[in-house]
Protein backbone atom coordinates (compact mmCIF):
# COMPACT_ATOMS: atom_id res chain seq x y z
CA UNK A 1 -134.43 -163.60 -181.28
CA UNK A 2 -131.65 -164.59 -178.81
CA UNK A 3 -131.56 -162.96 -175.46
CA UNK A 4 -129.27 -163.07 -172.37
CA UNK A 5 -131.06 -166.08 -170.94
CA UNK A 6 -130.40 -168.02 -174.20
CA UNK A 7 -126.58 -167.03 -173.96
CA UNK A 8 -126.50 -168.23 -170.31
CA UNK A 9 -128.04 -171.52 -171.42
CA UNK A 10 -125.53 -171.99 -174.33
CA UNK A 11 -122.56 -171.22 -172.01
CA UNK A 12 -123.84 -173.53 -169.41
CA UNK A 13 -124.41 -176.45 -172.02
CA UNK A 14 -120.87 -175.82 -173.43
CA UNK A 15 -119.13 -175.82 -169.95
CA UNK A 16 -120.79 -179.05 -169.15
CA UNK A 17 -119.57 -180.57 -172.43
CA UNK A 18 -116.03 -179.46 -171.65
CA UNK A 19 -116.17 -181.16 -168.15
CA UNK A 20 -117.44 -184.29 -169.81
CA UNK A 21 -114.82 -184.34 -172.50
CA UNK A 22 -112.39 -187.32 -172.37
CA UNK A 23 -109.98 -186.50 -175.17
CA UNK A 24 -108.42 -183.47 -177.10
CA UNK A 25 -110.53 -184.48 -180.03
CA UNK A 26 -113.56 -183.96 -177.81
CA UNK A 27 -112.42 -180.38 -176.91
CA UNK A 28 -111.89 -179.62 -180.56
CA UNK A 29 -115.38 -180.62 -181.46
CA UNK A 30 -116.68 -178.38 -178.71
CA UNK A 31 -114.48 -175.50 -179.91
CA UNK A 32 -116.23 -175.99 -183.40
CA UNK A 33 -119.61 -176.42 -182.04
CA UNK A 34 -119.70 -173.08 -180.08
CA UNK A 35 -116.86 -170.78 -181.20
CA UNK A 36 -116.32 -171.63 -184.87
CA UNK A 37 -117.78 -169.40 -187.76
CA UNK A 38 -121.14 -171.25 -187.45
CA UNK A 39 -120.96 -172.01 -183.77
CA UNK A 40 -123.73 -171.16 -181.25
CA UNK A 41 -121.99 -168.35 -179.52
CA UNK A 42 -120.81 -166.81 -182.69
CA UNK A 43 -124.26 -167.05 -184.21
CA UNK A 44 -125.56 -164.93 -181.44
CA UNK A 45 -122.94 -162.17 -182.05
CA UNK A 46 -123.89 -162.19 -185.69
CA UNK A 47 -127.47 -161.70 -184.94
CA UNK A 48 -126.98 -158.65 -182.74
CA UNK A 49 -127.63 -156.27 -185.56
CA UNK A 50 -131.31 -157.32 -185.58
CA UNK A 51 -131.86 -156.48 -181.98
CA UNK A 52 -133.03 -153.10 -180.55
CA UNK A 53 -130.15 -150.89 -179.32
CA UNK A 54 -130.66 -151.55 -175.62
CA UNK A 55 -131.09 -155.09 -176.01
CA UNK A 56 -128.09 -155.27 -178.46
CA UNK A 57 -125.85 -153.95 -175.64
CA UNK A 58 -127.04 -156.44 -173.05
CA UNK A 59 -126.89 -159.53 -175.26
CA UNK A 60 -123.69 -158.44 -176.92
CA UNK A 61 -121.87 -158.09 -173.48
CA UNK A 62 -123.26 -161.52 -172.31
CA UNK A 63 -122.25 -163.27 -175.61
CA UNK A 64 -118.57 -161.72 -175.43
CA UNK A 65 -118.28 -162.78 -171.80
CA UNK A 66 -119.42 -166.32 -172.62
CA UNK A 67 -116.95 -166.47 -175.67
CA UNK A 68 -114.03 -165.42 -173.45
CA UNK A 69 -115.03 -167.75 -170.67
CA UNK A 70 -115.55 -170.82 -172.90
CA UNK A 71 -112.10 -170.08 -174.68
CA UNK A 72 -110.30 -170.01 -171.46
CA UNK A 73 -112.01 -173.20 -170.19
CA UNK A 74 -111.17 -175.16 -173.23
CA UNK A 75 -107.61 -173.95 -173.40
CA UNK A 76 -107.04 -174.89 -169.69
CA UNK A 77 -108.64 -178.35 -170.36
CA UNK A 78 -106.45 -178.96 -173.44
CA UNK A 79 -103.31 -178.14 -171.16
CA UNK A 80 -104.37 -180.87 -168.72
CA UNK A 81 -104.96 -183.46 -171.40
CA UNK A 82 -101.55 -182.57 -173.08
CA UNK A 83 -99.64 -182.86 -169.65
CA UNK A 84 -101.27 -186.01 -168.87
CA UNK A 85 -100.27 -187.33 -172.23
CA UNK A 86 -96.66 -186.48 -171.60
CA UNK A 87 -96.77 -188.18 -168.21
CA UNK A 88 -98.56 -191.31 -169.56
CA UNK A 89 -95.85 -191.76 -172.40
CA UNK A 90 -92.86 -191.80 -169.83
CA UNK A 91 -91.59 -195.19 -169.38
CA UNK A 92 -89.23 -195.46 -166.45
CA UNK A 93 -87.77 -198.85 -167.61
CA UNK A 94 -86.20 -197.35 -170.64
CA UNK A 95 -82.46 -196.44 -170.53
CA UNK A 96 -81.79 -192.77 -170.07
CA UNK A 97 -80.20 -190.33 -172.60
CA UNK A 98 -76.66 -189.88 -171.86
CA UNK A 99 -75.75 -186.29 -171.43
CA UNK A 100 -72.52 -184.87 -172.77
CA UNK A 101 -70.42 -183.54 -169.75
CA UNK A 102 -67.48 -181.18 -169.76
CA UNK A 103 -63.88 -181.88 -169.10
CA UNK A 104 -61.20 -179.97 -167.17
CA UNK A 105 -59.10 -177.86 -169.54
CA UNK A 106 -55.55 -179.04 -169.96
CA UNK A 107 -54.19 -175.73 -168.81
CA UNK A 108 -56.10 -176.00 -165.52
CA UNK A 109 -55.12 -179.65 -165.15
CA UNK A 110 -51.39 -178.67 -165.42
CA UNK A 111 -51.81 -175.77 -162.98
CA UNK A 112 -53.47 -177.99 -160.49
CA UNK A 113 -50.76 -180.67 -160.77
CA UNK A 114 -48.04 -178.12 -160.32
CA UNK A 115 -49.57 -176.62 -157.36
CA UNK A 116 -50.20 -180.06 -155.69
CA UNK A 117 -46.43 -180.79 -156.14
CA UNK A 118 -45.17 -177.57 -154.67
CA UNK A 119 -47.70 -177.77 -151.90
CA UNK A 120 -46.14 -181.14 -150.89
CA UNK A 121 -42.88 -179.16 -150.53
CA UNK A 122 -44.40 -176.77 -148.22
CA UNK A 123 -45.15 -173.82 -150.56
CA UNK A 124 -48.47 -171.84 -150.19
CA UNK A 125 -50.39 -170.19 -153.01
CA UNK A 126 -50.89 -166.48 -153.43
CA UNK A 127 -52.70 -164.55 -156.30
CA UNK A 128 -52.36 -160.89 -157.48
CA UNK A 129 -54.26 -158.57 -159.78
CA UNK A 130 -53.94 -158.96 -163.68
CA UNK A 131 -53.75 -155.14 -164.05
CA UNK A 132 -50.62 -153.85 -162.48
CA UNK A 133 -48.60 -150.67 -162.02
CA UNK A 134 -45.26 -150.03 -163.58
CA UNK A 135 -43.69 -150.17 -160.15
CA UNK A 136 -44.77 -153.79 -159.16
CA UNK A 137 -44.41 -155.07 -162.85
CA UNK A 138 -40.99 -153.52 -163.62
CA UNK A 139 -39.37 -151.04 -161.16
CA UNK A 140 -39.61 -153.04 -157.98
CA UNK A 141 -38.09 -156.09 -159.89
CA UNK A 142 -34.91 -154.12 -160.76
CA UNK A 143 -36.25 -152.79 -164.17
CA UNK A 144 -35.17 -149.18 -164.19
CA UNK A 145 -37.28 -146.85 -166.58
CA UNK A 146 -34.41 -146.85 -169.12
CA UNK A 147 -33.35 -150.45 -168.67
CA UNK A 148 -33.14 -152.35 -172.03
CA UNK A 149 -34.54 -155.58 -170.40
CA UNK A 150 -38.01 -153.96 -170.50
CA UNK A 151 -37.73 -154.55 -174.18
CA UNK A 152 -37.69 -158.22 -173.42
CA UNK A 153 -41.39 -158.01 -172.55
CA UNK A 154 -43.88 -156.41 -175.00
CA UNK A 155 -46.38 -154.85 -172.73
CA UNK A 156 -50.06 -153.99 -173.13
CA UNK A 157 -50.14 -150.45 -171.54
CA UNK A 158 -53.42 -149.12 -170.29
CA UNK A 159 -54.57 -145.73 -169.02
CA UNK A 160 -53.37 -143.81 -165.89
CA UNK A 161 -50.07 -145.60 -165.99
CA UNK A 162 -51.54 -149.05 -165.62
CA UNK A 163 -50.72 -152.12 -167.72
CA UNK A 164 -51.53 -155.80 -168.11
CA UNK A 165 -48.94 -157.78 -166.03
CA UNK A 166 -46.28 -159.35 -168.24
CA UNK A 167 -45.55 -162.12 -165.59
CA UNK A 168 -46.74 -163.11 -162.18
CA UNK A 169 -43.50 -162.04 -160.45
CA UNK A 170 -45.23 -158.76 -159.21
CA UNK A 171 -47.18 -161.00 -156.86
CA UNK A 172 -43.75 -161.89 -155.42
CA UNK A 173 -43.12 -158.25 -154.58
CA UNK A 174 -46.67 -157.74 -153.06
CA UNK A 175 -46.30 -161.00 -150.85
CA UNK A 176 -42.82 -159.90 -149.57
CA UNK A 177 -43.95 -156.57 -148.70
CA UNK A 178 -46.43 -157.82 -146.26
CA UNK A 179 -44.54 -160.87 -145.02
CA UNK A 180 -41.60 -161.66 -142.89
CA UNK A 181 -39.06 -164.35 -143.59
CA UNK A 182 -39.28 -167.16 -144.00
CA UNK A 183 -41.54 -166.85 -147.12
CA UNK A 184 -42.26 -169.76 -149.28
CA UNK A 185 -44.99 -169.20 -151.97
CA UNK A 186 -46.04 -170.03 -155.55
CA UNK A 187 -47.98 -167.66 -157.68
CA UNK A 188 -50.15 -169.32 -160.50
CA UNK A 189 -51.80 -166.92 -162.92
CA UNK A 190 -52.56 -165.48 -166.36
CA UNK A 191 -50.20 -163.11 -167.97
CA UNK A 192 -50.18 -160.94 -171.07
CA UNK A 193 -47.75 -159.92 -173.69
CA UNK A 194 -48.05 -158.06 -176.99
CA UNK A 195 -46.81 -160.95 -179.15
CA UNK A 196 -47.58 -162.28 -182.67
CA UNK A 197 -49.81 -165.37 -182.29
CA UNK A 198 -48.39 -168.53 -183.74
CA UNK A 199 -48.11 -172.16 -183.17
CA UNK A 200 -45.66 -171.53 -180.28
CA UNK A 201 -46.65 -168.11 -178.88
CA UNK A 202 -49.92 -166.39 -177.64
CA UNK A 203 -50.65 -162.99 -176.41
CA UNK A 204 -52.20 -164.53 -173.15
CA UNK A 205 -50.50 -167.19 -171.35
CA UNK A 206 -50.13 -168.63 -167.72
CA UNK A 207 -47.18 -168.82 -165.36
CA UNK A 208 -46.58 -170.63 -162.11
CA UNK A 209 -43.82 -168.61 -160.31
CA UNK A 210 -42.37 -169.53 -157.07
CA UNK A 211 -39.85 -168.06 -154.59
CA UNK A 212 -38.34 -168.73 -151.06
CA UNK A 213 -36.74 -166.30 -148.94
CA UNK A 214 -34.94 -166.94 -145.56
CA UNK A 215 -31.50 -166.90 -143.99
CA UNK A 216 -28.82 -169.01 -145.71
CA UNK A 217 -30.82 -169.88 -148.79
CA UNK A 218 -28.44 -171.06 -151.69
CA UNK A 219 -28.48 -172.09 -155.28
CA UNK A 220 -28.28 -175.56 -154.15
CA UNK A 221 -31.67 -175.20 -152.40
CA UNK A 222 -33.18 -173.91 -155.68
CA UNK A 223 -31.74 -176.77 -157.68
CA UNK A 224 -33.05 -179.39 -155.19
CA UNK A 225 -36.54 -177.96 -155.33
CA UNK A 226 -36.68 -177.84 -159.26
CA UNK A 227 -35.15 -181.34 -159.49
CA UNK A 228 -37.76 -182.70 -157.15
CA UNK A 229 -40.52 -180.88 -158.96
CA UNK A 230 -39.46 -181.96 -162.54
CA UNK A 231 -39.09 -185.61 -161.48
CA UNK A 232 -42.34 -185.75 -159.76
CA UNK A 233 -44.09 -183.89 -162.68
CA UNK A 234 -42.39 -185.74 -165.68
CA UNK A 235 -41.07 -188.91 -164.21
CA UNK A 236 -38.04 -190.34 -162.20
CA UNK A 237 -35.84 -191.10 -165.22
CA UNK A 238 -35.64 -187.41 -166.29
CA UNK A 239 -32.41 -185.69 -166.82
CA UNK A 240 -31.98 -181.90 -166.13
CA UNK A 241 -29.46 -179.27 -167.07
CA UNK A 242 -29.03 -175.75 -165.73
CA UNK A 243 -27.71 -173.16 -168.24
CA UNK A 244 -26.51 -169.67 -167.33
CA UNK A 245 -29.03 -166.94 -168.42
CA UNK A 246 -29.98 -163.48 -167.50
CA UNK A 247 -33.19 -162.10 -165.71
CA UNK A 248 -33.19 -158.50 -164.13
CA UNK A 249 -34.68 -159.84 -160.90
CA UNK A 250 -32.35 -162.79 -160.29
CA UNK A 251 -28.58 -162.90 -159.98
CA UNK A 252 -27.16 -165.35 -160.86
CA UNK A 253 -29.77 -166.59 -163.18
CA UNK A 254 -30.34 -169.95 -164.99
CA UNK A 255 -32.70 -171.67 -167.47
CA UNK A 256 -33.61 -175.34 -166.98
CA UNK A 257 -33.87 -177.90 -169.66
CA UNK A 258 -35.11 -181.41 -169.50
CA UNK A 259 -34.09 -184.35 -171.63
CA UNK A 260 -36.68 -184.86 -174.41
CA UNK A 261 -39.03 -187.63 -173.29
CA UNK A 262 -40.13 -188.28 -176.85
CA UNK A 263 -36.77 -189.21 -178.24
CA UNK A 264 -34.87 -189.83 -175.06
CA UNK A 265 -32.35 -187.20 -175.88
CA UNK A 266 -31.45 -188.57 -179.24
CA UNK A 267 -33.00 -185.66 -181.14
CA UNK A 268 -36.42 -185.17 -182.82
CA UNK A 269 -38.77 -182.46 -184.13
CA UNK A 270 -40.19 -181.83 -180.76
CA UNK A 271 -36.70 -180.79 -179.31
CA UNK A 272 -35.51 -179.41 -182.61
CA UNK A 273 -32.99 -182.36 -182.74
CA UNK A 274 -31.10 -180.96 -179.70
CA UNK A 275 -32.21 -183.60 -177.10
CA UNK A 276 -33.25 -180.86 -174.71
CA UNK A 277 -36.40 -178.96 -173.97
CA UNK A 278 -36.42 -175.69 -172.17
CA UNK A 279 -39.11 -175.49 -169.50
CA UNK A 280 -38.32 -172.82 -166.96
CA UNK A 281 -36.10 -169.77 -165.75
CA UNK A 282 -34.81 -169.36 -162.24
CA UNK A 283 -32.16 -167.86 -160.23
CA UNK A 284 -31.29 -166.15 -156.91
CA UNK A 285 -33.29 -163.08 -156.02
CA UNK A 286 -31.39 -160.03 -156.75
CA UNK A 287 -30.36 -158.08 -153.62
CA UNK A 288 -32.03 -154.95 -155.10
CA UNK A 289 -35.39 -156.71 -155.10
CA UNK A 290 -34.90 -157.61 -151.51
CA UNK A 291 -34.01 -154.00 -150.57
CA UNK A 292 -37.17 -152.64 -152.44
CA UNK A 293 -39.55 -154.76 -150.13
CA UNK A 294 -37.57 -153.77 -146.95
CA UNK A 295 -35.50 -156.93 -146.36
CA UNK A 296 -31.90 -156.89 -145.27
CA UNK A 297 -30.03 -158.30 -148.21
CA UNK A 298 -27.05 -158.87 -146.09
CA UNK A 299 -29.07 -161.19 -143.78
CA UNK A 300 -31.56 -162.78 -146.15
CA UNK A 301 -31.22 -164.53 -149.46
CA UNK A 302 -33.77 -166.19 -151.64
CA UNK A 303 -34.44 -167.84 -154.99
CA UNK A 304 -37.27 -167.53 -157.54
CA UNK A 305 -38.43 -169.52 -160.54
CA UNK A 306 -41.01 -169.18 -163.28
CA UNK A 307 -42.63 -171.96 -165.28
CA UNK A 308 -44.58 -171.45 -168.52
CA UNK A 309 -47.72 -173.45 -168.22
CA UNK A 310 -48.63 -173.57 -171.97
CA UNK A 311 -45.16 -174.87 -172.81
CA UNK A 312 -45.37 -177.43 -170.05
CA UNK A 313 -48.88 -178.60 -171.16
CA UNK A 314 -47.80 -178.82 -174.86
CA UNK A 315 -44.83 -181.04 -173.70
CA UNK A 316 -46.95 -183.16 -171.38
CA UNK A 317 -49.77 -183.84 -173.82
CA UNK A 318 -47.84 -183.84 -177.15
CA UNK A 319 -49.63 -180.71 -178.40
CA UNK A 320 -48.09 -179.12 -181.29
CA UNK A 321 -50.06 -175.76 -181.56
CA UNK A 322 -50.63 -173.34 -178.53
CA UNK A 323 -53.70 -171.94 -180.28
CA UNK A 324 -55.65 -175.14 -179.62
CA UNK A 325 -55.85 -174.18 -175.91
CA UNK A 326 -57.92 -170.95 -176.69
CA UNK A 327 -60.19 -171.99 -179.66
CA UNK A 328 -62.85 -173.52 -177.29
CA UNK A 329 -63.22 -176.52 -179.40
CA UNK A 330 -65.02 -179.01 -177.36
CA UNK A 331 -63.61 -181.86 -179.30
CA UNK A 332 -60.04 -180.87 -178.25
CA UNK A 333 -61.03 -180.30 -174.62
CA UNK A 334 -62.89 -183.54 -174.40
CA UNK A 335 -59.68 -185.58 -174.84
CA UNK A 336 -58.42 -184.51 -171.51
CA UNK A 337 -60.76 -186.54 -169.06
């Protein structure tokens, strides 16, 4: 009948065999010889029923301990062989596997390009919160509570009188409140409007707003900045036109069109056969806005402009559906490298 000495002898023999093993198949053979249904240690455990109670406890404990010890040793040895096999199969002379890399989103590319152009003209960059108060988004920008111009911007209202900003112009107010003239800033950022999603409109979009306030600023200064920007961004041969328009926070106001670079102004589907493409709104800052931030509107004047980034990116890259920017299709994004 087996005893604790026999169990110790079987374990020592098995551990020596594991140390001498030279392959995974050797370890599998040891596993079968000692731990399988007819293995040596398994046989000891099956014979316990024939032993006296006291001896059964001692031999059973020794056999279980030996089984656990051998299982752990075999498992560790297999891991070493497997790791060595992986290392041995690596061939450093073979060419590597090319990894797919990401690409900068076209919206980010356009914003970075715009900011670089305006930085070259001396503008600094400022940013503000996406969640705004009614005061900064509307009232301080000459939108009284009952002003019909509020209907021009379908707003996402939140709790406690907050809202998602409908433009980045609120950053203008925040920056003017804490600065003294001259102030020359652009404010790129994300904006939100409750609009139906279509090929040309989306509920989330980006703007790059800019403004300059100082003594003696005129509409001519505004025109010079925008002409310089457009020709740097779109090309020297570009034609521009300024059309009268209306914005509550600027007076006078204008919209800027550029000649269609696809058809050269002759008329095509992109420009709706008009020869012109609208790209931005602008104007002289309304005196009421300057008064709201504590400026002397008799002493200081300023201009402001706002550029829609998605519209600009669509024109620049010949994209015909604004929804492509937000579908996260890597095939689309990878085109802009």
